[in-house]
Protein backbone atom coordinates (compact mmCIF):
# COMPACT_ATOMS: atom_id res chain seq x y z
CA MET A 1 -3.15 -32.15 1.09
CA ARG A 2 -2.63 -28.40 0.87
CA CYS A 3 1.12 -28.96 1.25
CA LEU A 4 1.37 -30.33 -2.30
CA ASP A 5 -0.32 -27.23 -3.71
CA LEU A 6 2.08 -25.10 -1.66
CA LEU A 7 5.28 -26.77 -2.87
CA GLY A 8 4.34 -27.57 -6.46
CA PRO A 9 4.50 -24.15 -8.25
CA LEU A 10 7.89 -23.12 -6.79
CA ASP A 11 10.97 -23.41 -9.01
CA TRP A 12 12.90 -25.96 -6.95
CA ALA A 13 15.17 -26.76 -9.92
CA HIS A 14 16.95 -23.41 -9.45
CA PHE A 15 17.01 -23.40 -5.64
CA PRO A 16 20.50 -22.28 -4.46
CA GLU A 17 21.76 -25.58 -3.08
CA ARG A 18 24.96 -26.30 -1.19
CA ASN A 19 27.57 -28.72 -2.52
CA LEU A 20 26.05 -32.13 -1.82
CA LEU A 21 29.17 -33.96 -3.08
CA ARG A 22 31.29 -32.64 -0.21
CA ASP A 23 32.01 -35.03 2.63
CA TRP A 24 30.17 -33.41 5.58
CA GLY A 25 31.04 -36.29 7.90
CA GLN A 26 27.54 -37.72 7.45
CA VAL A 27 24.87 -38.05 4.79
CA SER A 28 24.44 -34.65 3.10
CA ILE A 29 20.97 -33.19 3.67
CA PRO A 30 19.87 -30.83 0.88
CA TYR A 31 18.88 -27.31 1.88
CA ALA A 32 15.89 -27.66 -0.44
CA ALA A 33 14.52 -30.55 1.63
CA LEU A 34 14.85 -28.50 4.81
CA ALA A 35 13.21 -25.44 3.21
CA ALA A 36 10.30 -27.51 1.91
CA ALA A 37 9.84 -29.12 5.31
CA GLU A 38 9.75 -25.65 6.92
CA LEU A 39 7.07 -24.54 4.46
CA ILE A 40 4.99 -27.54 5.49
CA ARG A 41 5.53 -26.69 9.15
CA LEU A 42 4.28 -23.13 8.58
CA ASP A 43 1.33 -24.23 6.47
CA GLU A 44 0.24 -26.88 8.98
CA ALA A 45 0.88 -24.55 11.99
CA ILE A 46 3.24 -27.08 13.58
CA PRO A 47 4.72 -25.28 16.61
CA SER A 48 8.10 -26.99 17.00
CA MET A 49 10.76 -28.89 15.10
CA GLY A 50 10.14 -31.96 17.25
CA LYS A 51 6.48 -32.05 16.24
CA LEU A 52 7.48 -31.52 12.60
CA HIS A 53 9.75 -34.56 12.92
CA ARG A 54 6.83 -36.57 14.27
CA PHE A 55 4.54 -35.30 11.48
CA LEU A 56 6.97 -36.45 8.79
CA LEU A 57 7.31 -39.89 10.43
CA GLU A 58 3.52 -40.19 10.42
CA HIS A 59 3.44 -39.14 6.74
CA PRO A 60 6.51 -40.98 5.34
CA GLY A 61 5.62 -40.09 1.76
CA PHE A 62 6.81 -36.54 2.47
CA ILE A 63 10.27 -37.83 3.41
CA TRP A 64 10.66 -39.13 -0.15
CA LEU A 65 8.85 -36.23 -1.77
CA LEU A 66 10.90 -33.51 -0.01
CA GLY A 67 14.17 -35.06 -1.13
CA PHE A 68 15.71 -36.39 2.09
CA PRO A 69 18.37 -39.06 1.38
CA LEU A 70 16.69 -42.44 1.84
CA ALA A 71 18.11 -45.34 3.84
CA LEU A 72 16.94 -48.14 1.57
CA THR A 73 15.43 -51.27 3.13
CA PRO A 74 13.94 -53.38 0.28
CA GLU A 75 12.36 -55.85 2.70
CA THR A 76 9.92 -53.22 4.06
CA ASP A 77 6.67 -52.07 2.47
CA LEU A 78 7.94 -48.51 1.89
CA GLY A 79 11.34 -49.62 0.67
CA PHE A 80 13.22 -47.33 3.06
CA ASN A 81 13.70 -46.83 6.79
CA THR A 82 11.77 -43.72 7.80
CA ARG A 83 13.72 -42.91 11.00
CA ALA A 84 17.10 -43.54 9.39
CA SER A 85 16.16 -41.38 6.40
CA LEU A 86 14.93 -38.40 8.41
CA PRO A 87 17.40 -36.16 10.33
CA THR A 88 16.84 -35.69 14.04
CA PRO A 89 15.00 -32.58 15.29
CA ARG A 90 18.29 -31.17 16.57
CA HIS A 91 19.96 -31.71 13.20
CA LEU A 92 17.07 -29.94 11.44
CA THR A 93 17.28 -27.05 13.90
CA ASP A 94 21.04 -26.66 13.39
CA MET A 95 20.57 -26.64 9.61
CA LEU A 96 17.84 -24.01 9.88
CA ARG A 97 20.15 -21.74 11.90
CA THR A 98 22.86 -21.90 9.23
CA LEU A 99 20.57 -21.76 6.19
CA PRO A 100 21.94 -19.01 3.88
CA ASN A 101 19.79 -15.93 3.48
CA ALA A 102 20.10 -16.29 -0.30
CA ALA A 103 18.02 -19.47 -0.12
CA LEU A 104 15.26 -17.74 1.84
CA GLN A 105 15.26 -14.73 -0.48
CA PHE A 106 14.98 -17.08 -3.46
CA LEU A 107 11.86 -18.67 -1.99
CA LEU A 108 10.33 -15.24 -1.32
CA ALA A 109 11.12 -13.96 -4.82
CA ASP A 110 9.77 -17.11 -6.43
CA SER A 111 6.60 -16.98 -4.34
CA VAL A 112 6.02 -13.43 -5.64
CA ARG A 113 6.43 -14.80 -9.18
CA VAL A 114 3.84 -17.50 -8.50
CA ILE A 115 1.40 -14.98 -7.00
CA ARG A 116 1.74 -12.61 -9.97
CA ALA A 117 1.15 -15.49 -12.37
CA GLU A 118 -1.98 -16.49 -10.47
CA LEU A 119 -3.27 -12.90 -10.52
CA ALA A 120 -2.74 -12.80 -14.28
CA VAL A 121 -4.66 -16.07 -14.75
CA ARG A 122 -7.56 -14.67 -12.75
CA ARG A 123 -7.34 -11.40 -14.70
CA LEU A 124 -6.90 -9.33 -11.58
CA PRO A 125 -5.15 -5.93 -11.75
CA GLU A 126 -1.42 -5.73 -11.06
CA ILE A 127 -0.19 -4.74 -7.62
CA GLN A 128 0.03 -0.94 -7.48
CA CYS A 129 -0.06 -0.18 -3.74
CA VAL A 130 2.45 -1.45 -1.18
CA SER A 131 3.02 -0.88 2.52
CA LEU A 132 6.24 -1.03 4.55
CA ASP A 133 6.72 -1.45 8.28
CA THR A 134 9.46 -2.58 10.64
CA LYS A 135 9.38 -4.79 13.72
CA HIS A 136 12.05 -5.34 16.34
CA ILE A 137 13.28 -8.85 17.16
CA ILE A 138 14.67 -9.29 20.67
CA ALA A 139 17.75 -11.53 20.82
CA GLY A 140 17.83 -14.39 23.31
CA VAL A 141 20.82 -13.11 25.31
CA LYS A 142 21.25 -12.49 29.02
CA GLU A 143 21.72 -8.76 28.39
CA ASN A 144 17.99 -8.60 27.61
CA ASN A 145 17.06 -10.36 30.84
CA PRO A 146 16.34 -7.72 33.53
CA LYS A 147 16.75 -10.33 36.26
CA ALA A 148 20.31 -11.21 35.23
CA PHE A 149 23.23 -9.16 36.53
CA VAL A 150 25.25 -7.74 33.65
CA ALA A 151 27.93 -5.17 34.39
CA ASN A 152 27.93 -3.50 30.97
CA ARG A 153 24.41 -4.27 29.83
CA PHE A 154 24.11 -1.22 27.52
CA ASP A 155 27.69 -1.03 26.25
CA ARG A 156 26.97 -0.96 22.52
CA THR A 157 30.64 -1.47 21.59
CA GLN A 158 30.73 -5.04 22.89
CA GLN A 159 30.04 -8.19 20.89
CA LEU A 160 27.80 -10.55 22.80
CA VAL A 161 28.80 -14.16 23.23
CA GLY A 162 25.22 -15.45 23.05
CA ASP A 163 24.52 -13.74 19.71
CA PRO A 164 27.55 -12.04 18.10
CA ASP A 165 25.51 -10.47 15.27
CA CYS A 166 22.88 -8.65 17.33
CA ARG A 167 23.28 -4.97 18.23
CA LEU A 168 21.91 -2.58 20.81
CA GLY A 169 19.01 -0.39 19.70
CA CYS A 170 16.18 1.69 21.12
CA LYS A 171 12.46 1.09 20.73
CA ARG A 172 10.84 4.48 21.18
CA ARG A 173 7.67 4.84 23.21
CA HIS A 174 4.71 6.69 21.75
CA ASN A 175 1.26 7.75 22.89
CA HIS A 176 2.33 8.83 26.38
CA THR A 177 -0.50 9.59 28.78
CA THR A 178 -0.29 11.98 31.71
CA PRO A 179 -0.41 10.00 34.99
CA THR A 180 -3.15 11.00 37.43
CA ARG A 181 -1.56 9.32 40.45
CA ASN A 182 1.94 8.37 41.59
CA LEU A 183 3.34 11.44 39.86
CA VAL A 184 7.05 11.39 39.03
CA SER A 185 9.45 13.99 37.70
CA ALA A 186 9.60 14.32 33.91
CA SER A 187 13.38 14.04 34.09
CA THR A 188 13.03 10.41 35.18
CA ALA A 189 10.58 9.41 32.46
CA SER A 190 11.89 6.98 29.86
CA VAL A 191 11.47 7.84 26.17
CA GLY A 192 12.30 4.34 24.97
CA GLU A 193 13.38 0.82 25.78
CA PHE A 194 16.82 -0.52 24.90
CA TYR A 195 17.23 -4.05 23.55
CA TRP A 196 19.87 -6.20 21.96
CA GLY A 197 18.50 -7.69 18.78
CA TYR A 198 17.47 -7.08 15.20
CA GLY A 199 14.93 -5.20 13.14
CA SER A 200 12.90 -6.76 10.34
CA GLY A 201 11.44 -4.64 7.54
CA VAL A 202 8.66 -6.12 5.40
CA VAL A 203 6.88 -4.81 2.31
CA VAL A 204 3.38 -6.20 1.74
CA ALA A 205 0.64 -5.71 -0.84
CA LYS A 206 -3.08 -6.29 -0.40
CA VAL A 207 -5.12 -7.85 -3.19
CA PRO A 208 -8.82 -7.85 -2.24
CA PRO A 209 -10.38 -10.28 -1.56
CA TRP A 210 -7.46 -12.74 -1.79
CA GLY A 211 -5.40 -11.37 1.09
CA GLU A 212 -2.05 -9.71 1.80
CA PHE A 213 1.23 -10.92 0.32
CA VAL A 214 4.83 -10.30 1.33
CA ILE A 215 6.95 -8.91 -1.51
CA ALA A 216 10.24 -8.02 0.17
CA GLU A 217 12.00 -8.55 3.50
CA LEU A 218 15.19 -7.26 5.10
CA THR A 219 16.59 -8.01 8.56
CA GLN A 220 19.31 -5.82 10.04
CA PRO A 221 20.92 -5.32 13.46
CA PHE A 222 18.79 -3.24 15.80
CA ASP A 223 21.12 -0.23 15.69
CA GLN A 224 19.94 0.63 12.16
CA GLY A 225 17.23 3.27 11.78
CA ASP A 226 13.91 2.65 10.03
CA VAL A 227 14.81 4.85 7.04
CA THR A 228 17.75 2.58 6.18
CA TYR A 229 15.25 -0.10 5.12
CA PHE A 230 13.60 2.02 2.44
CA PHE A 231 15.97 1.85 -0.54
CA PRO A 232 17.02 -1.84 -0.17
CA LEU A 233 13.41 -2.96 0.18
CA MET A 234 12.14 -0.78 -2.66
CA SER A 235 14.89 -2.21 -4.89
CA GLN A 236 13.63 -5.71 -4.11
CA VAL A 237 10.05 -4.65 -4.84
CA ASP A 238 10.94 -3.13 -8.23
CA ALA A 239 12.97 -6.21 -9.21
CA ARG A 240 10.37 -8.79 -8.16
CA LEU A 241 7.36 -6.99 -9.62
CA GLY A 242 9.20 -5.86 -12.75
CA TYR A 243 7.86 -2.33 -12.31
CA ARG A 244 7.54 0.37 -9.66
CA PRO A 245 4.21 0.50 -7.79
CA ARG A 246 2.38 3.82 -7.98
CA TYR A 247 1.24 4.11 -4.37
CA ALA A 248 2.61 3.30 -0.92
CA THR A 249 1.75 3.78 2.74
CA PHE A 250 4.25 4.29 5.57
CA ASP A 251 4.30 5.38 9.19
CA ALA A 252 5.88 8.59 10.49
CA ALA A 253 9.38 7.06 10.59
CA PHE A 254 9.51 7.34 6.78
CA ASP A 255 8.49 11.01 6.57
CA ALA A 256 11.35 12.03 4.26
CA TRP A 257 11.44 13.82 0.91
CA TYR A 258 13.06 10.94 -0.97
CA VAL A 259 10.18 8.63 0.02
CA TYR A 260 7.70 10.93 -1.74
CA ALA A 261 10.06 11.45 -4.67
CA HIS A 262 10.37 7.67 -5.17
CA PHE A 263 6.68 7.35 -6.07
CA TYR A 264 5.78 10.76 -7.49
CA ARG A 265 5.81 10.87 -11.30
CA GLU A 266 5.55 14.34 -12.70
CA ASN A 267 3.82 15.08 -16.03
CA GLN A 268 2.02 11.74 -16.11
CA PRO A 269 -1.78 11.39 -16.21
CA ASP A 270 -1.86 8.98 -13.25
CA PHE A 271 1.08 10.04 -11.12
CA GLY A 272 1.76 8.12 -7.92
CA PHE A 273 2.19 9.24 -4.36
CA ALA A 274 3.21 8.04 -0.89
CA ALA A 275 0.81 8.39 2.05
CA VAL A 276 2.96 8.94 5.12
CA HIS A 277 1.93 9.97 8.61
CA PHE A 278 3.25 13.42 9.48
CA SER A 279 6.32 13.33 11.74
CA GLU A 280 6.19 15.85 14.58
CA LYS A 281 9.77 17.01 14.45
CA GLY A 282 11.79 20.11 13.75
CA GLY A 283 9.92 23.40 14.01
CA TYR A 284 6.50 21.71 14.34
CA ARG A 285 7.36 19.97 17.58
CA ALA A 286 6.93 23.10 19.71
CA GLY A 287 3.78 24.73 18.33
CA GLY A 288 2.31 22.08 16.07
CA ARG A 289 0.82 22.55 12.62
CA GLN A 290 -2.01 25.13 12.56
CA PHE A 291 -5.23 24.99 10.50
CA ASP A 292 -8.09 27.38 9.85
CA PRO A 293 -11.76 26.50 10.65
CA SER A 294 -12.21 24.92 7.21
CA GLY A 295 -9.18 22.66 7.65
CA LEU A 296 -6.71 24.48 5.38
CA PRO A 297 -3.13 24.67 6.70
CA LEU A 298 -1.84 28.04 7.87
CA CYS A 299 1.53 29.47 6.91
CA LYS A 300 3.78 31.30 9.41
CA ALA A 301 1.97 34.55 8.58
CA GLY A 302 -1.35 32.98 9.62
CA LEU A 303 -2.75 32.83 6.08
CA ALA A 304 -4.65 29.81 4.76
CA MET A 305 -2.92 27.88 1.96
CA PRO A 306 -5.34 26.51 -0.68
CA LEU A 307 -4.91 22.90 -1.72
CA GLN A 308 -3.78 22.18 -5.25
CA PHE A 309 -4.79 18.50 -5.32
CA THR A 310 -7.13 16.22 -3.39
CA TYR A 311 -7.57 12.69 -4.68
CA THR A 312 -8.29 9.16 -3.56
CA ASP A 313 -6.68 5.92 -4.71
CA ARG A 314 -8.00 2.37 -4.67
CA THR A 315 -6.95 1.81 -1.06
CA THR A 316 -9.21 4.71 0.03
CA CYS A 317 -6.28 6.74 1.32
CA ILE A 318 -6.92 10.47 0.98
CA VAL A 319 -3.81 12.50 0.35
CA GLU A 320 -3.64 16.25 0.11
CA HIS A 321 -0.94 18.37 -1.45
CA ASP A 322 -0.37 22.05 -0.96
CA ALA A 323 0.36 24.52 -3.74
CA ALA A 324 4.04 23.63 -3.67
CA GLY A 325 3.36 19.93 -4.06
CA GLY A 326 4.32 19.07 -0.47
CA PHE A 327 2.48 16.39 1.49
CA LEU A 328 0.09 17.65 4.13
CA SER A 329 -1.94 14.84 5.59
CA SER A 330 -3.41 11.40 5.05
CA ALA A 331 -6.49 9.62 6.33
CA SER A 332 -8.37 6.38 5.80
CA HIS A 333 -12.10 5.92 5.34
C-alpha cells in the first residue's frame, strides 16, 4: 500500500516522544503511533477518526506496524486482540488535540529532508523559489455564531471558555463592487469581518512536474498581522533547506522593504528578488500610481522614470525595478 511508502523514509527513531514509562492511568500510547495513524488518514482521505478506527481494525497489521501497545492473545491467529490494542476514536481525538507542536514540526522538517533527498536522487535542481500565504481558521465558539446571543461578542480583552487560545481578528474584504440596486450609505458599509480564531501561514515550493511541497508552517492567534509571519517562517525555510532561496512571491500584505531586502543580493551575478503585489496605501491610495503611454512610471513631476532592470525567473514572474532599485510591478505569463 502507499501508506508504507509514506511512513518508511521518515526518521521515526528521533521523533520527539513523551515519557512512556510514566503511569498515565492506562496503557501509554506513543505519540509516534498517533502521528503515523494520522498520516495514513490523510493519505487515504479518511474523513473522520471513527472511520480511521474502523480502517485500522480492518487492516490489523497497521496496529502492530504503527507501534500501538498490543494486548497479546496467543490463542488467536494474529497473536493479539485488535480492539483491545487499538485506542477508541475518542481517545485518539483527545491525544490529537494535545499533541505537542514540536512533534508536528519535526514531521514537517523531516518530510522536507526526504523531499530534498529525492530531488537529489532524480538530479533535479534545488528549490529556489518559494511562496507564502496566510489563511484564517475560525474557532468553534459561540461568539462566531451569529444566531447565538452574546453580550460582548467583540470584546477582544476576554478569554473565551470554548477556546481560551483563540483571539479576535479582522478579515478584510477586497474587490468591492458598486451596487446597482438597494443602494446604502457608504458609512454603513463593512470593510471586514470579525472572527475569533487563528491564522495559519504556510510556505510552499513548486517543483515541476512533481507538485507543490510545504516547507514551513506557523499558526498564531488571529489578532496577529500577516507581516508577523514573515521572519519566523523564513527562518524555518533557511534552516530546513540549508540555504536561502533566491526568489519568492507574496501578496500585497507583505509589501514591505525588509521582504525585498531578505532576498536581494547585491553584487552577485544572479541576485534574487521578491515578487510582491503592490499595496495601495499611503500617498498612492488617493490618486493611484501614474504611468505614461509606454508603461513607464511617472514621478510627482510627471516625468517618466526609465527602468534599470527587467528580467524573468524560472517561475515566469516578471519583475521590474526602477533606477533606484525599488520594486514597481509584477505579472505572470
